Amino acid sequence: MEATRDATGSALDPRLELLLDEREIKNCVLRYCHGTDRLDWQTVAECYLPQATDDHGSFQGGPSEFAAWLAEKAKYRGAKQHFVANQLVEIAGDDAVCESYYCCYIEFLDDPSSSLPEIRKLSSWVAATSTVSPAPTAPGR
């Protein structure tokens, strides 16, 4: 793996590079939650690599299709908010795995594709694991 260079062309300390990569991955999880909570479907799609596949149980597909699926589901949702807790990022060379725990509060409103009551509030802790290869690179690096 070739050393990342800063704006002056100097090689970054590998420890700093690891911290920057880890921070970028954690920020991607936060941007995803921010995008879904604010119904910003473009931001959600941009949190994925173009060739990524999302498996949300009842949905499997690429980033744009996933964002469109969420937008359709949002018509039957009231308030929604993610709370992100523990995030473990493991980076090995150009590969990374991130496990994030979060609690998501969602109000379900009269969804015709659901057998749920008219209004249901859901709040549960979930562990989500994402695998990225190659690991993202911070802007300007």
Foldseek 3Di string as FASTA:
>chain_A
DDFDAAPVRHGDDVVVQVVVLVVVLVVLVVQLQVCLQVLNLVSNLVSDDQPDWDCPPVDIDHSNVVSVVSNVQCVFKDHKHKDKDDWDWDADAQKIKIKIKIWMWIWGACDPVDPDPRTDIDIDIDIDMDIDGRRDGDPRD
